[in-house]
Amino acid sequence: MENSIVVGKGPYYLDNIHPEITVDKTTNPPTSNPTTNQNVVKQLDVTLTYKDPLYNTSASMAGIRDNNTYEYYLSTSSTSLTGGSLTTVTPTGDSITKTATINIGSGETGVRYLFARTIFDISGNESGENLVVHNGANYQLVGTYVFDNISPKVDFIPNGSSWSQTHATTVTVREQVIEGTDYGVALVDAETLKYLWIELSEKDTALTEAKFNEQYNSNSITHKGTFETGDEISLDIETGNWYLWIIGKDNLGNTTVISSDVFNIDNTAPTVGTVALAHKVDSGTTKAYNTNTWTKHSVTITLTDGYDGEGESGHADTIYNITGTYKNANGQYVAYSDNRADKSSTVTLTETGEYEVRVTTTDKVGNSTTTPQGTYIIKIDKEAPI
């Protein structure tokens, strides 16, 4: 306002000194370097001080006006009030100095600008300069801060995989640069990185730090440990649906607990296939042939597939291998060998000789089972005694 003179008996006081609004601490943005977290905080207690610097307190015109409105706004812009909301405070003190301590930044991430509504002194002088108008009132910028309330980001490469006997995934834990800026955020605290493999029927999407720690500290969980970002974490483990849980924090305490997608492990051998042995007796009827016994009849071999258990990779193939010696048309005993996987047909052994049938079943990841030696022995003698 214009300077004025009160006419009458002196003394006379002139007041053209503007009141002030200051903060006790300012967290300045770091330099444009995303590898630093200088001055980044999760939240901050700031004390606003409202003061009339006209120190002659005996002057009747000195002091802060009684009917000021005390508000602040934490904005995402330095030139307007946006991205936040007005908050009213009630400062305490006298007519010369008042203070109010506020907490700002909780839940915020990025650069934020603290505006305080201007105040007037008794003489009508207004605080601040380069004011921003919002809803008809003036606000002054009093502080600039950088907050980080976002958790580190975790990447799995690959993130889950189908059936295999072993798996490995590279895990990277990194801080997230504030979107739209070059400002650094709090760095990952390497001492907090832990993992565990857990077998579940389906992915747990509601992980918490407490749940992770409960499992990590459990004696029943043996596949766990610490790691460094960029490490390959391998899985050579019993059959099941396995998920990799990761926990990591930055050095402000922002915490990420996350699960990978499923890694299917199958280290269980399949159930081996079987063969049915039969021969036609003199009456022409077919009967089961008892292994490792002599018969004067041809023996027919029929293959039955093996199988893989539920929750495993699945059956790939079953083959049977027939080896032995037989008497050929020249009366000589020669080697016999035949590998079969055709379940729609049978093999009939017709010549005098001794044979063995062995069956091998393989699943889709290469686990296999073979019948023990001596399980299926066939002995045929069609030679008349001399």
Protein backbone atom coordinates (compact mmCIF):
# COMPACT_ATOMS: atom_id res chain seq x y z
CA MET A 1 0.00 0.00 0.00
CA GLU A 2 1.03 3.64 -0.23
CA ASN A 3 2.99 5.01 2.68
CA SER A 4 0.78 7.11 4.95
CA ILE A 5 1.15 9.66 7.74
CA VAL A 6 -1.14 9.73 10.70
CA VAL A 7 -1.92 13.37 11.44
CA GLY A 8 -2.01 14.24 15.06
CA LYS A 9 0.25 14.35 18.00
CA GLY A 10 3.44 12.35 17.35
CA PRO A 11 5.37 10.26 17.32
CA TYR A 12 4.63 9.15 13.74
CA TYR A 13 5.48 5.70 12.25
CA LEU A 14 5.96 4.74 8.62
CA ASP A 15 5.77 0.99 7.71
CA ASN A 16 6.61 -0.18 4.22
CA ILE A 17 8.40 -3.34 5.29
CA HIS A 18 6.78 -6.52 4.01
CA PRO A 19 6.12 -9.40 6.38
CA GLU A 20 8.03 -12.63 5.67
CA ILE A 21 7.26 -16.31 5.32
CA THR A 22 10.27 -18.63 5.58
CA VAL A 23 10.94 -22.32 6.12
CA ASP A 24 13.55 -23.81 8.40
CA LYS A 25 14.87 -26.27 5.82
CA THR A 26 14.90 -26.56 2.05
CA THR A 27 15.70 -29.76 0.20
CA ASN A 28 17.05 -28.70 -3.15
CA PRO A 29 16.86 -31.01 -6.16
CA PRO A 30 20.08 -32.86 -6.89
CA THR A 31 22.00 -32.19 -10.04
CA SER A 32 20.79 -33.94 -13.18
CA ASN A 33 22.36 -37.26 -12.27
CA PRO A 34 20.14 -40.30 -11.83
CA THR A 35 22.94 -42.16 -10.01
CA THR A 36 22.70 -39.97 -6.92
CA ASN A 37 20.01 -39.61 -4.29
CA GLN A 38 21.34 -36.43 -2.70
CA ASN A 39 18.65 -34.67 -0.67
CA VAL A 40 15.92 -37.10 -1.69
CA VAL A 41 13.55 -37.88 1.18
CA LYS A 42 10.31 -39.83 1.77
CA GLN A 43 8.72 -37.03 3.77
CA LEU A 44 9.85 -33.96 5.66
CA ASP A 45 8.85 -31.91 8.69
CA VAL A 46 9.06 -28.25 7.77
CA THR A 47 8.48 -25.29 10.07
CA LEU A 48 6.84 -22.27 8.49
CA THR A 49 7.71 -18.99 10.17
CA TYR A 50 5.47 -15.95 9.70
CA LYS A 51 7.21 -12.77 10.81
CA ASP A 52 6.86 -9.01 10.74
CA PRO A 53 10.46 -7.77 10.61
CA LEU A 54 9.53 -4.31 11.95
CA TYR A 55 11.43 -4.85 15.17
CA ASN A 56 10.18 -1.73 16.97
CA THR A 57 7.50 -3.67 18.80
CA SER A 58 6.31 -0.58 20.60
CA ALA A 59 5.08 0.79 17.30
CA SER A 60 1.34 0.58 17.06
CA MET A 61 1.57 -0.34 13.37
CA ALA A 62 3.98 -3.28 13.82
CA GLY A 63 2.76 -6.87 13.76
CA ILE A 64 0.92 -9.48 11.74
CA ARG A 65 -2.73 -8.87 10.96
CA ASP A 66 -5.08 -10.96 13.05
CA ASN A 67 -7.36 -12.07 10.23
CA ASN A 68 -4.79 -13.68 7.94
CA THR A 69 -5.64 -17.07 6.41
CA TYR A 70 -2.80 -19.54 6.85
CA GLU A 71 -2.66 -22.16 4.11
CA TYR A 72 -0.05 -24.12 2.18
CA TYR A 73 -0.07 -26.13 -1.03
CA LEU A 74 2.42 -28.77 -2.19
CA SER A 75 2.40 -28.44 -5.97
CA THR A 76 3.86 -30.37 -8.88
CA SER A 77 4.49 -27.07 -10.67
CA SER A 78 6.66 -24.10 -9.77
CA THR A 79 4.36 -21.64 -11.53
CA SER A 80 0.89 -22.76 -10.49
CA LEU A 81 -0.92 -24.65 -7.76
CA THR A 82 -1.68 -28.05 -9.24
CA GLY A 83 -1.49 -31.72 -8.35
CA GLY A 84 -2.24 -31.24 -4.65
CA SER A 85 -4.70 -29.58 -2.32
CA LEU A 86 -4.86 -26.62 0.03
CA THR A 87 -4.21 -27.35 3.68
CA THR A 88 -5.04 -24.93 6.48
CA VAL A 89 -2.67 -24.55 9.42
CA THR A 90 -2.99 -22.77 12.76
CA PRO A 91 0.33 -21.18 13.67
CA THR A 92 1.21 -20.27 17.23
CA GLY A 93 3.12 -17.27 18.55
CA ASP A 94 2.63 -13.55 19.01
CA SER A 95 1.82 -10.72 16.67
CA ILE A 96 5.43 -10.42 15.56
CA THR A 97 6.35 -14.08 14.93
CA LYS A 98 4.19 -17.15 14.44
CA THR A 99 5.26 -20.69 13.53
CA ALA A 100 3.59 -23.86 12.26
CA THR A 101 5.27 -27.22 11.69
CA ILE A 102 3.89 -29.27 8.84
CA ASN A 103 4.72 -32.69 7.38
CA ILE A 104 4.98 -32.82 3.61
CA GLY A 105 5.79 -35.38 0.96
CA SER A 106 4.21 -38.53 2.32
CA GLY A 107 3.15 -40.63 -0.66
CA GLU A 108 4.66 -38.15 -3.13
CA THR A 109 7.34 -38.92 -5.68
CA GLY A 110 9.16 -36.32 -7.71
CA VAL A 111 9.92 -32.63 -7.44
CA ARG A 112 7.40 -30.72 -5.34
CA TYR A 113 7.05 -26.99 -4.71
CA LEU A 114 5.78 -25.66 -1.40
CA PHE A 115 3.60 -22.58 -1.64
CA ALA A 116 2.33 -20.61 1.36
CA ARG A 117 -0.56 -18.20 1.21
CA THR A 118 0.68 -14.67 1.63
CA ILE A 119 0.03 -12.77 4.84
CA PHE A 120 -0.50 -9.10 5.64
CA ASP A 121 0.81 -6.99 8.45
CA ILE A 122 -1.23 -4.43 10.32
CA SER A 123 -0.16 -1.76 7.85
CA GLY A 124 -1.43 -3.78 4.92
CA ASN A 125 1.96 -4.84 3.54
CA GLU A 126 1.83 -8.26 1.86
CA SER A 127 4.51 -10.91 2.06
CA GLY A 128 6.39 -12.40 -0.88
CA GLU A 129 7.15 -11.56 -4.48
CA ASN A 130 6.57 -13.24 -7.84
CA LEU A 131 3.26 -14.41 -6.45
CA VAL A 132 1.00 -17.08 -7.89
CA VAL A 133 -2.73 -16.47 -7.88
CA HIS A 134 -5.05 -19.34 -6.97
CA ASN A 135 -8.80 -18.97 -6.38
CA GLY A 136 -8.37 -15.22 -5.95
CA ALA A 137 -5.62 -15.46 -3.30
CA ASN A 138 -1.87 -14.95 -3.59
CA TYR A 139 0.68 -17.63 -2.79
CA GLN A 140 4.45 -17.45 -2.56
CA LEU A 141 6.98 -20.20 -3.24
CA VAL A 142 8.91 -21.00 -0.07
CA GLY A 143 10.61 -24.33 -0.74
CA THR A 144 11.50 -26.93 -3.37
CA TYR A 145 11.87 -30.61 -2.50
CA VAL A 146 12.43 -33.98 -4.10
CA PHE A 147 10.52 -36.92 -2.63
CA ASP A 148 10.84 -40.64 -3.33
CA ASN A 149 8.05 -42.96 -2.26
CA ILE A 150 8.30 -45.48 -5.07
CA SER A 151 9.76 -48.92 -4.53
CA PRO A 152 12.62 -50.38 -6.57
CA LYS A 153 11.67 -52.19 -9.76
CA VAL A 154 12.46 -55.89 -10.23
CA ASP A 155 12.95 -57.54 -13.61
CA PHE A 156 13.08 -61.30 -14.26
CA ILE A 157 14.65 -62.54 -17.50
CA PRO A 158 12.95 -64.86 -18.20
CA ASN A 159 9.89 -64.31 -16.06
CA GLY A 160 8.69 -67.88 -15.65
CA SER A 161 9.23 -70.80 -18.00
CA SER A 162 7.60 -74.05 -19.02
CA TRP A 163 8.69 -77.55 -18.09
CA SER A 164 12.37 -78.28 -17.69
CA GLN A 165 14.68 -80.20 -15.39
CA THR A 166 16.42 -76.95 -14.38
CA HIS A 167 15.76 -73.23 -14.73
CA ALA A 168 17.70 -70.02 -14.32
CA THR A 169 16.60 -66.39 -14.39
CA THR A 170 18.54 -63.14 -14.24
CA VAL A 171 17.15 -60.80 -11.59
CA THR A 172 17.75 -57.05 -11.78
CA VAL A 173 16.67 -54.68 -9.02
CA ARG A 174 16.89 -51.01 -9.89
CA GLU A 175 15.71 -47.64 -8.71
CA GLN A 176 13.07 -45.92 -10.80
CA VAL A 177 14.00 -42.52 -12.20
CA ILE A 178 11.31 -39.96 -11.53
CA GLU A 179 9.11 -39.82 -14.60
CA GLY A 180 9.64 -36.77 -16.76
CA THR A 181 12.82 -35.62 -15.00
CA ASP A 182 16.49 -36.42 -14.73
CA TYR A 183 16.40 -36.34 -10.97
CA GLY A 184 17.87 -39.30 -9.17
CA VAL A 185 15.90 -41.24 -6.60
CA ALA A 186 17.03 -43.28 -3.64
CA LEU A 187 19.48 -45.97 -4.62
CA VAL A 188 18.86 -49.68 -4.09
CA ASP A 189 20.24 -50.95 -0.79
CA ALA A 190 22.27 -53.97 -1.87
CA GLU A 191 22.26 -55.40 1.64
CA THR A 192 18.49 -55.97 1.51
CA LEU A 193 18.33 -58.18 -1.60
CA LYS A 194 17.05 -61.68 -0.82
CA TYR A 195 15.31 -64.45 -2.73
CA LEU A 196 13.49 -67.66 -2.06
CA TRP A 197 11.95 -70.36 -4.21
CA ILE A 198 8.51 -71.43 -3.08
CA GLU A 199 6.24 -74.13 -4.45
CA LEU A 200 2.65 -72.99 -4.90
CA SER A 201 -0.36 -74.08 -6.88
CA GLU A 202 -0.74 -70.54 -8.23
CA LYS A 203 0.97 -67.16 -8.05
CA ASP A 204 0.57 -65.18 -4.84
CA THR A 205 -0.30 -61.65 -5.92
CA ALA A 206 -0.71 -60.28 -2.39
CA LEU A 207 2.84 -60.51 -1.15
CA THR A 208 3.96 -58.46 1.84
CA GLU A 209 7.28 -57.97 3.57
CA ALA A 210 5.94 -59.84 6.60
CA LYS A 211 4.88 -62.82 4.45
CA PHE A 212 8.27 -62.92 2.73
CA ASN A 213 10.15 -62.81 6.02
CA GLU A 214 7.93 -65.51 7.51
CA GLN A 215 8.75 -67.86 4.64
CA TYR A 216 12.41 -66.86 4.51
CA ASN A 217 12.87 -67.61 8.20
CA SER A 218 11.03 -70.92 7.97
CA ASN A 219 13.14 -74.05 8.31
CA SER A 220 10.97 -75.72 5.67
CA ILE A 221 12.21 -73.31 3.01
CA THR A 222 15.69 -74.38 1.95
CA HIS A 223 16.08 -72.77 -1.47
CA LYS A 224 16.82 -69.17 -0.46
CA GLY A 225 19.64 -66.70 -0.07
CA THR A 226 21.03 -63.27 -0.82
CA PHE A 227 22.02 -62.00 -4.24
CA GLU A 228 23.34 -59.02 -6.14
CA THR A 229 21.38 -57.22 -8.81
CA GLY A 230 22.10 -58.80 -12.18
CA ASP A 231 22.79 -62.23 -10.70
CA GLU A 232 21.47 -65.38 -12.34
CA ILE A 233 19.46 -67.37 -9.82
CA SER A 234 19.20 -71.03 -10.74
CA LEU A 235 16.66 -73.68 -9.85
CA ASP A 236 17.64 -77.34 -9.75
CA ILE A 237 15.00 -78.73 -7.51
CA GLU A 238 12.29 -81.31 -7.03
CA THR A 239 9.29 -81.51 -9.33
CA GLY A 240 6.68 -78.81 -8.89
CA ASN A 241 5.37 -75.38 -9.81
CA TRP A 242 7.95 -72.95 -8.43
CA TYR A 243 7.86 -69.19 -7.98
CA LEU A 244 10.82 -66.94 -7.25
CA TRP A 245 10.12 -64.36 -4.55
CA ILE A 246 12.31 -61.29 -4.32
CA ILE A 247 12.57 -58.60 -1.67
CA GLY A 248 14.57 -55.40 -2.05
CA LYS A 249 14.66 -51.92 -0.57
CA ASP A 250 16.16 -48.59 -1.44
CA ASN A 251 18.08 -46.66 1.15
CA LEU A 252 15.00 -44.71 2.15
CA GLY A 253 13.23 -47.93 3.07
CA ASN A 254 10.86 -48.13 0.09
CA THR A 255 10.28 -51.87 -0.24
CA THR A 256 9.44 -54.17 -3.15
CA VAL A 257 8.23 -57.72 -2.58
CA ILE A 258 7.41 -59.48 -5.83
CA SER A 259 6.88 -62.92 -7.29
CA SER A 260 7.96 -64.19 -10.67
CA ASP A 261 5.63 -66.12 -12.90
CA VAL A 262 5.72 -69.90 -12.58
CA PHE A 263 8.77 -72.03 -13.37
CA ASN A 264 7.72 -75.64 -14.00
CA ILE A 265 10.27 -78.21 -12.86
CA ASP A 266 10.09 -81.93 -13.64
CA ASN A 267 12.81 -84.14 -12.20
CA THR A 268 10.59 -87.17 -11.68
CA ALA A 269 11.09 -90.21 -13.84
CA PRO A 270 7.97 -91.40 -15.68
CA THR A 271 6.33 -94.76 -15.12
CA VAL A 272 7.77 -97.20 -17.61
CA GLY A 273 5.59 -98.91 -20.20
CA THR A 274 4.89 -102.62 -20.16
CA VAL A 275 4.72 -105.42 -22.67
CA ALA A 276 2.27 -108.27 -22.91
CA LEU A 277 3.76 -111.61 -23.98
CA ALA A 278 1.55 -114.31 -25.48
CA HIS A 279 1.92 -117.56 -27.41
CA LYS A 280 -0.42 -119.95 -29.13
CA VAL A 281 -0.44 -123.36 -27.57
CA ASP A 282 -1.14 -126.59 -29.43
CA SER A 283 -4.87 -126.19 -29.17
CA GLY A 284 -4.64 -122.94 -31.12
CA THR A 285 -5.70 -120.79 -28.22
CA THR A 286 -3.61 -117.82 -27.15
CA LYS A 287 -2.27 -117.79 -23.65
CA ALA A 288 -0.03 -115.52 -21.70
CA TYR A 289 3.61 -116.41 -21.92
CA ASN A 290 5.49 -116.57 -18.63
CA THR A 291 8.78 -114.74 -18.92
CA ASN A 292 12.00 -116.73 -18.80
CA THR A 293 10.36 -120.06 -19.61
CA TRP A 294 10.81 -122.26 -22.64
CA THR A 295 8.11 -122.52 -25.27
CA LYS A 296 7.96 -124.27 -28.59
CA HIS A 297 5.58 -121.64 -29.95
CA SER A 298 6.04 -118.21 -31.46
CA VAL A 299 5.72 -115.37 -28.94
CA THR A 300 3.84 -112.18 -29.67
CA ILE A 301 4.93 -108.91 -28.00
CA THR A 302 2.45 -106.06 -27.49
CA LEU A 303 3.57 -102.66 -26.15
CA THR A 304 1.65 -100.53 -23.64
CA ASP A 305 2.68 -96.89 -23.16
CA GLY A 306 4.21 -95.63 -19.98
CA TYR A 307 2.94 -92.38 -18.48
CA ASP A 308 4.01 -89.29 -16.60
CA GLY A 309 2.36 -88.33 -13.34
CA GLU A 310 -0.11 -85.52 -12.77
CA GLY A 311 1.62 -82.17 -12.43
CA GLU A 312 4.60 -83.27 -14.49
CA SER A 313 5.77 -82.45 -18.01
CA GLY A 314 3.95 -85.31 -19.72
CA HIS A 315 4.70 -88.51 -21.61
CA ALA A 316 6.88 -88.17 -24.70
CA ASP A 317 7.39 -91.71 -25.96
CA THR A 318 7.76 -95.35 -25.00
CA ILE A 319 9.92 -97.72 -26.98
CA TYR A 320 10.85 -101.36 -26.60
CA ASN A 321 14.16 -102.84 -27.60
CA ILE A 322 14.43 -106.53 -28.45
CA THR A 323 17.85 -108.12 -28.40
CA GLY A 324 19.15 -111.68 -28.39
CA THR A 325 20.28 -114.47 -30.62
CA TYR A 326 18.30 -116.72 -32.90
CA LYS A 327 18.92 -119.62 -35.26
CA ASN A 328 18.72 -118.56 -38.89
CA ALA A 329 17.85 -120.62 -41.95
CA ASN A 330 21.47 -121.74 -42.24
CA GLY A 331 21.38 -123.16 -38.78
CA GLN A 332 23.63 -120.47 -37.39
CA TYR A 333 22.92 -118.44 -34.24
CA VAL A 334 23.11 -114.75 -35.05
CA ALA A 335 22.34 -111.53 -33.20
CA TYR A 336 18.83 -110.14 -33.17
CA SER A 337 17.95 -106.47 -32.58
CA ASP A 338 14.71 -104.57 -33.04
CA ASN A 339 13.57 -101.16 -31.62
CA ARG A 340 9.87 -100.42 -31.68
CA ALA A 341 7.64 -97.55 -30.66
CA ASP A 342 4.61 -98.40 -32.79
CA LYS A 343 1.85 -99.24 -30.35
CA SER A 344 -0.61 -100.07 -33.12
CA SER A 345 1.27 -103.19 -34.14
CA THR A 346 2.82 -106.20 -32.46
CA VAL A 347 6.05 -108.12 -32.93
CA THR A 348 6.05 -111.88 -33.19
CA LEU A 349 9.20 -113.83 -32.54
CA THR A 350 9.12 -117.06 -34.54
CA GLU A 351 12.64 -118.43 -34.60
CA THR A 352 14.42 -120.59 -32.09
CA GLY A 353 16.49 -118.42 -29.80
CA GLU A 354 16.72 -116.44 -26.59
CA TYR A 355 15.54 -112.86 -26.49
CA GLU A 356 15.18 -110.01 -24.03
CA VAL A 357 12.71 -107.13 -24.22
CA ARG A 358 13.49 -103.89 -22.43
CA VAL A 359 11.11 -100.93 -22.32
CA THR A 360 12.08 -97.26 -21.97
CA THR A 361 9.61 -94.45 -21.29
CA THR A 362 10.73 -90.81 -21.62
CA ASP A 363 8.89 -87.65 -20.56
CA LYS A 364 8.93 -84.27 -22.32
CA VAL A 365 11.98 -82.94 -20.48
CA GLY A 366 14.13 -86.04 -20.89
CA ASN A 367 13.53 -87.96 -17.69
CA SER A 368 13.37 -91.67 -18.52
CA THR A 369 12.76 -95.05 -16.96
CA THR A 370 13.88 -98.42 -18.35
CA THR A 371 12.73 -101.82 -17.20
CA PRO A 372 15.39 -103.66 -15.20
CA GLN A 373 17.48 -106.20 -17.02
CA GLY A 374 15.90 -109.64 -16.97
CA THR A 375 12.33 -108.44 -16.68
CA TYR A 376 11.17 -109.84 -20.01
CA ILE A 377 13.11 -112.94 -21.16
CA ILE A 378 11.75 -115.02 -24.04
CA LYS A 379 13.01 -118.55 -24.82
CA ILE A 380 11.83 -120.34 -27.94
CA ASP A 381 12.84 -123.88 -28.89
CA LYS A 382 11.35 -125.25 -32.07
CA GLU A 383 14.07 -127.81 -32.65
CA ALA A 384 13.21 -131.49 -32.32
CA PRO A 385 15.54 -133.37 -29.98
CA ILE A 386 18.20 -135.53 -31.61
